[in-house]
Amino acid sequence: MIPSSSQPRIMLVEDIPAMRLLVRQMLRSLGVNEILEANDGSTALQLLRAQPVDVVLSDWNMIPMTGLQLLMAMREDPQTSHIPFVMITGEGSMEHVKRARSAGVNGYLIKPFGLDALTRQLTKVVRWQPAA
């Protein structure tokens, strides 16, 4: 856990550039400036091993490595297994939610989502208060 006065360092994993931009803008509006970005799970995994973060926000549907595969790989690796993970997806079925939970997800955001939903998920998984 990061101290409540610090801003979290976030890894944003999303293959659609416009969606990455939107989420990045939302994070910056909350005062989060340390944002690492990857356009797929395999790139994210490499970055995570080199540059630890406080939380991962990841899309589910990406190639060559999906968000679910990234989550499972992170949970199997002692270096990344403790990092909170919030899945961002258009998949809201109970089956998808169950699969993510059984893999160890900490939060779940269904697209489209707003700033309030993003804030709730972040404050749930890291001890932090967004900028006023």
N, C-alpha and C. Protein backbone atom coordinates (compact mmCIF):
# COMPACT_ATOMS: atom_id res chain seq x y z
N MET A 1 0.84 -1.20 0.00
CA MET A 1 0.00 0.00 0.00
C MET A 1 0.87 1.25 0.00
N ILE A 2 0.43 2.22 -0.75
CA ILE A 2 1.15 3.49 -0.78
C ILE A 2 0.59 4.40 0.30
N PRO A 3 1.38 5.33 0.80
CA PRO A 3 0.87 6.27 1.79
C PRO A 3 -0.27 7.10 1.19
N SER A 4 -1.24 7.48 2.03
CA SER A 4 -2.41 8.20 1.53
C SER A 4 -2.06 9.55 0.93
N SER A 5 -0.92 10.14 1.29
CA SER A 5 -0.56 11.44 0.77
C SER A 5 0.11 11.35 -0.61
N SER A 6 0.56 10.19 -1.00
CA SER A 6 1.23 10.01 -2.28
C SER A 6 0.22 9.68 -3.38
N GLN A 7 0.60 10.02 -4.59
CA GLN A 7 -0.22 9.64 -5.73
C GLN A 7 0.22 8.26 -6.19
N PRO A 8 -0.72 7.41 -6.58
CA PRO A 8 -0.33 6.07 -7.02
C PRO A 8 0.38 6.12 -8.37
N ARG A 9 1.25 5.17 -8.56
CA ARG A 9 1.90 4.95 -9.86
C ARG A 9 1.08 3.88 -10.55
N ILE A 10 0.53 4.21 -11.71
CA ILE A 10 -0.45 3.34 -12.35
C ILE A 10 0.06 2.84 -13.69
N MET A 11 -0.18 1.55 -13.94
CA MET A 11 0.07 0.95 -15.25
C MET A 11 -1.28 0.86 -15.95
N LEU A 12 -1.40 1.50 -17.09
CA LEU A 12 -2.62 1.48 -17.90
C LEU A 12 -2.35 0.60 -19.11
N VAL A 13 -3.13 -0.47 -19.23
CA VAL A 13 -2.94 -1.42 -20.32
C VAL A 13 -4.21 -1.43 -21.17
N GLU A 14 -4.10 -0.91 -22.38
CA GLU A 14 -5.26 -0.76 -23.27
C GLU A 14 -4.76 -0.71 -24.70
N ASP A 15 -5.38 -1.50 -25.58
CA ASP A 15 -4.92 -1.56 -26.96
C ASP A 15 -5.52 -0.48 -27.86
N ILE A 16 -6.56 0.20 -27.42
CA ILE A 16 -7.18 1.24 -28.23
C ILE A 16 -6.64 2.60 -27.78
N PRO A 17 -5.88 3.28 -28.65
CA PRO A 17 -5.26 4.54 -28.26
C PRO A 17 -6.25 5.59 -27.72
N ALA A 18 -7.42 5.70 -28.32
CA ALA A 18 -8.40 6.69 -27.85
C ALA A 18 -8.87 6.37 -26.43
N MET A 19 -9.03 5.10 -26.11
CA MET A 19 -9.45 4.71 -24.76
C MET A 19 -8.32 4.97 -23.77
N ARG A 20 -7.08 4.70 -24.17
CA ARG A 20 -5.93 5.00 -23.31
C ARG A 20 -5.89 6.50 -23.01
N LEU A 21 -6.09 7.31 -24.03
CA LEU A 21 -6.09 8.75 -23.85
C LEU A 21 -7.19 9.19 -22.88
N LEU A 22 -8.38 8.65 -23.05
CA LEU A 22 -9.51 9.00 -22.18
C LEU A 22 -9.21 8.65 -20.72
N VAL A 23 -8.74 7.44 -20.48
CA VAL A 23 -8.44 7.01 -19.11
C VAL A 23 -7.28 7.83 -18.55
N ARG A 24 -6.26 8.09 -19.37
CA ARG A 24 -5.13 8.91 -18.92
C ARG A 24 -5.63 10.29 -18.49
N GLN A 25 -6.52 10.90 -19.28
CA GLN A 25 -7.06 12.21 -18.92
C GLN A 25 -7.85 12.15 -17.62
N MET A 26 -8.61 11.08 -17.42
CA MET A 26 -9.36 10.92 -16.17
C MET A 26 -8.39 10.82 -14.99
N LEU A 27 -7.35 10.03 -15.15
CA LEU A 27 -6.37 9.86 -14.08
C LEU A 27 -5.68 11.19 -13.75
N ARG A 28 -5.32 11.92 -14.79
CA ARG A 28 -4.66 13.22 -14.56
C ARG A 28 -5.60 14.19 -13.87
N SER A 29 -6.89 14.13 -14.17
CA SER A 29 -7.85 15.01 -13.50
C SER A 29 -7.97 14.68 -12.01
N LEU A 30 -7.58 13.45 -11.65
CA LEU A 30 -7.57 13.03 -10.24
C LEU A 30 -6.23 13.35 -9.57
N GLY A 31 -5.31 13.92 -10.33
CA GLY A 31 -4.01 14.27 -9.77
C GLY A 31 -2.96 13.19 -9.94
N VAL A 32 -3.27 12.15 -10.70
CA VAL A 32 -2.31 11.06 -10.94
C VAL A 32 -1.47 11.43 -12.15
N ASN A 33 -0.17 11.53 -11.95
CA ASN A 33 0.72 11.91 -13.04
C ASN A 33 1.70 10.82 -13.43
N GLU A 34 1.90 9.83 -12.55
CA GLU A 34 2.80 8.72 -12.88
C GLU A 34 1.99 7.60 -13.49
N ILE A 35 1.94 7.60 -14.83
CA ILE A 35 1.14 6.63 -15.57
C ILE A 35 2.05 5.96 -16.60
N LEU A 36 2.26 4.66 -16.43
CA LEU A 36 2.96 3.88 -17.44
C LEU A 36 1.90 3.29 -18.35
N GLU A 37 2.21 3.17 -19.63
CA GLU A 37 1.22 2.67 -20.57
C GLU A 37 1.78 1.52 -21.39
N ALA A 38 0.87 0.58 -21.70
CA ALA A 38 1.20 -0.54 -22.58
C ALA A 38 -0.03 -0.82 -23.43
N ASN A 39 0.21 -1.30 -24.65
CA ASN A 39 -0.92 -1.57 -25.54
C ASN A 39 -1.32 -3.04 -25.59
N ASP A 40 -0.68 -3.87 -24.76
CA ASP A 40 -1.08 -5.28 -24.64
C ASP A 40 -0.47 -5.86 -23.37
N GLY A 41 -0.96 -7.03 -22.99
CA GLY A 41 -0.53 -7.65 -21.75
C GLY A 41 0.92 -8.06 -21.71
N SER A 42 1.46 -8.54 -22.82
CA SER A 42 2.85 -8.99 -22.81
C SER A 42 3.81 -7.81 -22.63
N THR A 43 3.52 -6.70 -23.26
CA THR A 43 4.33 -5.49 -23.07
C THR A 43 4.22 -5.02 -21.63
N ALA A 44 3.01 -5.04 -21.09
CA ALA A 44 2.79 -4.62 -19.70
C ALA A 44 3.59 -5.48 -18.74
N LEU A 45 3.59 -6.77 -18.95
CA LEU A 45 4.31 -7.69 -18.06
C LEU A 45 5.81 -7.38 -18.05
N GLN A 46 6.36 -7.11 -19.21
CA GLN A 46 7.78 -6.75 -19.29
C GLN A 46 8.05 -5.46 -18.53
N LEU A 47 7.19 -4.46 -18.71
CA LEU A 47 7.36 -3.18 -18.02
C LEU A 47 7.23 -3.33 -16.51
N LEU A 48 6.26 -4.14 -16.08
CA LEU A 48 6.02 -4.33 -14.65
C LEU A 48 7.21 -4.95 -13.94
N ARG A 49 7.91 -5.81 -14.63
CA ARG A 49 9.08 -6.44 -14.03
C ARG A 49 10.23 -5.45 -13.89
N ALA A 50 10.26 -4.43 -14.76
CA ALA A 50 11.33 -3.44 -14.72
C ALA A 50 10.97 -2.20 -13.90
N GLN A 51 9.68 -1.86 -13.86
CA GLN A 51 9.23 -0.64 -13.20
C GLN A 51 7.97 -0.94 -12.39
N PRO A 52 8.11 -1.26 -11.12
CA PRO A 52 6.94 -1.60 -10.30
C PRO A 52 5.94 -0.44 -10.22
N VAL A 53 4.68 -0.79 -10.06
CA VAL A 53 3.61 0.19 -9.95
C VAL A 53 2.75 -0.15 -8.73
N ASP A 54 1.84 0.76 -8.40
CA ASP A 54 0.94 0.57 -7.27
C ASP A 54 -0.36 -0.12 -7.66
N VAL A 55 -0.75 0.01 -8.92
CA VAL A 55 -1.99 -0.61 -9.39
C VAL A 55 -1.94 -0.74 -10.92
N VAL A 56 -2.60 -1.78 -11.42
CA VAL A 56 -2.72 -2.00 -12.87
C VAL A 56 -4.18 -1.83 -13.25
N LEU A 57 -4.43 -1.02 -14.27
CA LEU A 57 -5.75 -0.89 -14.89
C LEU A 57 -5.61 -1.50 -16.27
N SER A 58 -6.34 -2.58 -16.53
CA SER A 58 -6.12 -3.29 -17.79
C SER A 58 -7.42 -3.65 -18.49
N ASP A 59 -7.43 -3.43 -19.80
CA ASP A 59 -8.49 -3.92 -20.66
C ASP A 59 -8.43 -5.45 -20.68
N TRP A 60 -9.55 -6.08 -20.94
CA TRP A 60 -9.60 -7.54 -21.02
C TRP A 60 -9.22 -8.01 -22.42
N ASN A 61 -9.89 -7.45 -23.43
CA ASN A 61 -9.76 -7.94 -24.81
C ASN A 61 -8.62 -7.28 -25.56
N MET A 62 -7.47 -7.96 -25.56
CA MET A 62 -6.29 -7.49 -26.29
C MET A 62 -5.59 -8.71 -26.88
N ILE A 63 -4.76 -8.47 -27.88
CA ILE A 63 -3.90 -9.52 -28.41
C ILE A 63 -2.48 -8.98 -28.41
N PRO A 64 -1.46 -9.77 -28.28
CA PRO A 64 -1.45 -11.23 -28.18
C PRO A 64 -1.75 -11.76 -26.78
N MET A 65 -1.68 -10.93 -25.73
CA MET A 65 -1.97 -11.39 -24.38
C MET A 65 -3.13 -10.58 -23.83
N THR A 66 -4.19 -11.26 -23.43
CA THR A 66 -5.38 -10.58 -22.91
C THR A 66 -5.13 -10.06 -21.49
N GLY A 67 -6.04 -9.23 -21.03
CA GLY A 67 -5.97 -8.74 -19.66
C GLY A 67 -6.07 -9.88 -18.65
N LEU A 68 -6.91 -10.86 -18.94
CA LEU A 68 -7.05 -12.01 -18.04
C LEU A 68 -5.74 -12.81 -17.99
N GLN A 69 -5.11 -13.01 -19.14
CA GLN A 69 -3.83 -13.71 -19.17
C GLN A 69 -2.76 -12.91 -18.43
N LEU A 70 -2.78 -11.58 -18.57
CA LEU A 70 -1.85 -10.72 -17.83
C LEU A 70 -2.07 -10.88 -16.33
N LEU A 71 -3.32 -10.84 -15.91
CA LEU A 71 -3.65 -10.99 -14.49
C LEU A 71 -3.12 -12.33 -13.96
N MET A 72 -3.38 -13.40 -14.68
CA MET A 72 -2.93 -14.72 -14.24
C MET A 72 -1.41 -14.79 -14.17
N ALA A 73 -0.72 -14.23 -15.16
CA ALA A 73 0.74 -14.21 -15.16
C ALA A 73 1.27 -13.40 -13.99
N MET A 74 0.64 -12.28 -13.70
CA MET A 74 1.06 -11.45 -12.57
C MET A 74 0.87 -12.18 -11.25
N ARG A 75 -0.24 -12.88 -11.09
CA ARG A 75 -0.51 -13.58 -9.83
C ARG A 75 0.44 -14.75 -9.61
N GLU A 76 1.00 -15.31 -10.69
CA GLU A 76 1.93 -16.43 -10.58
C GLU A 76 3.37 -15.97 -10.31
N ASP A 77 3.65 -14.69 -10.52
CA ASP A 77 5.00 -14.16 -10.38
C ASP A 77 5.14 -13.45 -9.03
N PRO A 78 6.03 -13.92 -8.15
CA PRO A 78 6.19 -13.29 -6.83
C PRO A 78 6.52 -11.80 -6.91
N GLN A 79 7.14 -11.37 -7.99
CA GLN A 79 7.52 -9.97 -8.16
C GLN A 79 6.30 -9.08 -8.41
N THR A 80 5.22 -9.64 -8.97
CA THR A 80 4.04 -8.84 -9.32
C THR A 80 2.74 -9.32 -8.68
N SER A 81 2.80 -10.41 -7.94
CA SER A 81 1.57 -11.03 -7.43
C SER A 81 0.79 -10.15 -6.47
N HIS A 82 1.44 -9.22 -5.81
CA HIS A 82 0.80 -8.36 -4.81
C HIS A 82 0.16 -7.10 -5.39
N ILE A 83 0.41 -6.79 -6.65
CA ILE A 83 -0.05 -5.53 -7.24
C ILE A 83 -1.56 -5.60 -7.49
N PRO A 84 -2.32 -4.62 -6.94
CA PRO A 84 -3.76 -4.60 -7.21
C PRO A 84 -4.03 -4.46 -8.71
N PHE A 85 -5.10 -5.12 -9.15
CA PHE A 85 -5.43 -5.20 -10.57
C PHE A 85 -6.90 -4.88 -10.76
N VAL A 86 -7.19 -3.88 -11.59
CA VAL A 86 -8.57 -3.51 -11.93
C VAL A 86 -8.78 -3.82 -13.40
N MET A 87 -9.73 -4.69 -13.69
CA MET A 87 -10.06 -5.05 -15.07
C MET A 87 -11.01 -4.01 -15.64
N ILE A 88 -10.69 -3.54 -16.85
CA ILE A 88 -11.55 -2.60 -17.56
C ILE A 88 -12.04 -3.32 -18.81
N THR A 89 -13.36 -3.45 -18.95
CA THR A 89 -13.86 -4.24 -20.07
C THR A 89 -15.29 -3.90 -20.44
N GLY A 90 -15.65 -4.23 -21.63
CA GLY A 90 -17.04 -4.14 -22.06
C GLY A 90 -17.80 -5.40 -21.73
N GLU A 91 -17.09 -6.39 -21.19
CA GLU A 91 -17.68 -7.68 -20.85
C GLU A 91 -18.23 -7.64 -19.42
N GLY A 92 -19.54 -7.53 -19.29
CA GLY A 92 -20.13 -7.42 -17.96
C GLY A 92 -20.88 -8.66 -17.52
N SER A 93 -20.78 -9.75 -18.27
CA SER A 93 -21.51 -10.95 -17.90
C SER A 93 -20.96 -11.53 -16.60
N MET A 94 -21.82 -12.23 -15.86
CA MET A 94 -21.39 -12.86 -14.61
C MET A 94 -20.26 -13.85 -14.85
N GLU A 95 -20.27 -14.52 -16.00
CA GLU A 95 -19.21 -15.48 -16.32
C GLU A 95 -17.85 -14.77 -16.38
N HIS A 96 -17.80 -13.61 -17.03
CA HIS A 96 -16.55 -12.86 -17.11
C HIS A 96 -16.11 -12.38 -15.73
N VAL A 97 -17.05 -11.87 -14.96
CA VAL A 97 -16.73 -11.39 -13.61
C VAL A 97 -16.19 -12.54 -12.77
N LYS A 98 -16.83 -13.71 -12.84
CA LYS A 98 -16.38 -14.88 -12.07
C LYS A 98 -14.97 -15.31 -12.49
N ARG A 99 -14.70 -15.32 -13.79
CA ARG A 99 -13.38 -15.71 -14.28
C ARG A 99 -12.31 -14.75 -13.76
N ALA A 100 -12.62 -13.46 -13.79
CA ALA A 100 -11.66 -12.46 -13.32
C ALA A 100 -11.44 -12.60 -11.81
N ARG A 101 -12.52 -12.80 -11.07
CA ARG A 101 -12.37 -12.95 -9.61
C ARG A 101 -11.58 -14.21 -9.26
N SER A 102 -11.85 -15.30 -9.95
CA SER A 102 -11.11 -16.53 -9.63
C SER A 102 -9.63 -16.39 -9.98
N ALA A 103 -9.30 -15.47 -10.91
CA ALA A 103 -7.90 -15.24 -11.28
C ALA A 103 -7.22 -14.25 -10.33
N GLY A 104 -8.01 -13.60 -9.45
CA GLY A 104 -7.41 -12.70 -8.47
C GLY A 104 -7.57 -11.22 -8.74
N VAL A 105 -8.56 -10.83 -9.53
CA VAL A 105 -8.79 -9.41 -9.80
C VAL A 105 -9.23 -8.70 -8.52
N ASN A 106 -8.86 -7.44 -8.39
CA ASN A 106 -9.24 -6.64 -7.21
C ASN A 106 -10.42 -5.72 -7.49
N GLY A 107 -10.64 -5.38 -8.74
CA GLY A 107 -11.74 -4.50 -9.11
C GLY A 107 -12.13 -4.72 -10.56
N TYR A 108 -13.31 -4.20 -10.93
CA TYR A 108 -13.86 -4.47 -12.25
C TYR A 108 -14.61 -3.22 -12.71
N LEU A 109 -14.24 -2.66 -13.85
CA LEU A 109 -14.93 -1.51 -14.43
C LEU A 109 -15.50 -1.92 -15.78
N ILE A 110 -16.78 -1.67 -15.98
CA ILE A 110 -17.42 -2.01 -17.24
C ILE A 110 -17.53 -0.75 -18.10
N LYS A 111 -17.01 -0.84 -19.32
CA LYS A 111 -17.08 0.28 -20.27
C LYS A 111 -18.52 0.46 -20.74
N PRO A 112 -18.97 1.66 -20.96
CA PRO A 112 -18.29 2.91 -20.62
C PRO A 112 -18.44 3.20 -19.14
N PHE A 113 -17.45 3.85 -18.56
CA PHE A 113 -17.49 4.21 -17.15
C PHE A 113 -17.09 5.67 -17.01
N GLY A 114 -17.47 6.25 -15.90
CA GLY A 114 -17.17 7.65 -15.65
C GLY A 114 -16.09 7.83 -14.61
N LEU A 115 -15.78 9.06 -14.34
CA LEU A 115 -14.75 9.42 -13.38
C LEU A 115 -15.08 8.92 -11.98
N ASP A 116 -16.35 8.98 -11.59
CA ASP A 116 -16.74 8.50 -10.26
C ASP A 116 -16.46 7.02 -10.09
N ALA A 117 -16.79 6.22 -11.10
CA ALA A 117 -16.57 4.77 -11.02
C ALA A 117 -15.07 4.47 -10.96
N LEU A 118 -14.28 5.18 -11.75
CA LEU A 118 -12.83 4.98 -11.73
C LEU A 118 -12.27 5.35 -10.36
N THR A 119 -12.72 6.46 -9.81
CA THR A 119 -12.26 6.90 -8.49
C THR A 119 -12.61 5.87 -7.42
N ARG A 120 -13.83 5.33 -7.46
CA ARG A 120 -14.24 4.31 -6.48
C ARG A 120 -13.34 3.09 -6.55
N GLN A 121 -13.04 2.64 -7.76
CA GLN A 121 -12.20 1.44 -7.90
C GLN A 121 -10.78 1.71 -7.39
N LEU A 122 -10.22 2.86 -7.73
CA LEU A 122 -8.86 3.17 -7.29
C LEU A 122 -8.77 3.31 -5.78
N THR A 123 -9.72 4.00 -5.18
CA THR A 123 -9.66 4.19 -3.72
C THR A 123 -9.97 2.89 -2.99
N LYS A 124 -10.62 1.95 -3.68
CA LYS A 124 -10.88 0.64 -3.09
C LYS A 124 -9.61 -0.21 -3.03
N VAL A 125 -8.75 -0.09 -4.03
CA VAL A 125 -7.58 -0.98 -4.12
C VAL A 125 -6.29 -0.36 -3.62
N VAL A 126 -6.21 0.96 -3.51
CA VAL A 126 -5.02 1.62 -2.95
C VAL A 126 -5.48 2.65 -1.93
N ARG A 127 -4.70 2.79 -0.88
CA ARG A 127 -5.02 3.78 0.16
C ARG A 127 -4.55 5.13 -0.36
N TRP A 128 -5.49 5.91 -0.90
CA TRP A 128 -5.16 7.14 -1.58
C TRP A 128 -6.41 7.99 -1.72
N GLN A 129 -6.24 9.28 -1.69
CA GLN A 129 -7.35 10.19 -1.93
C GLN A 129 -7.03 11.02 -3.16
N PRO A 130 -7.96 11.10 -4.10
CA PRO A 130 -7.70 11.88 -5.31
C PRO A 130 -7.56 13.37 -5.00
N ALA A 131 -6.92 14.08 -5.91
CA ALA A 131 -6.77 15.53 -5.76
C ALA A 131 -8.16 16.17 -5.76
N ALA A 132 -8.32 17.21 -4.98
CA ALA A 132 -9.63 17.89 -4.86
C ALA A 132 -9.99 18.63 -6.14
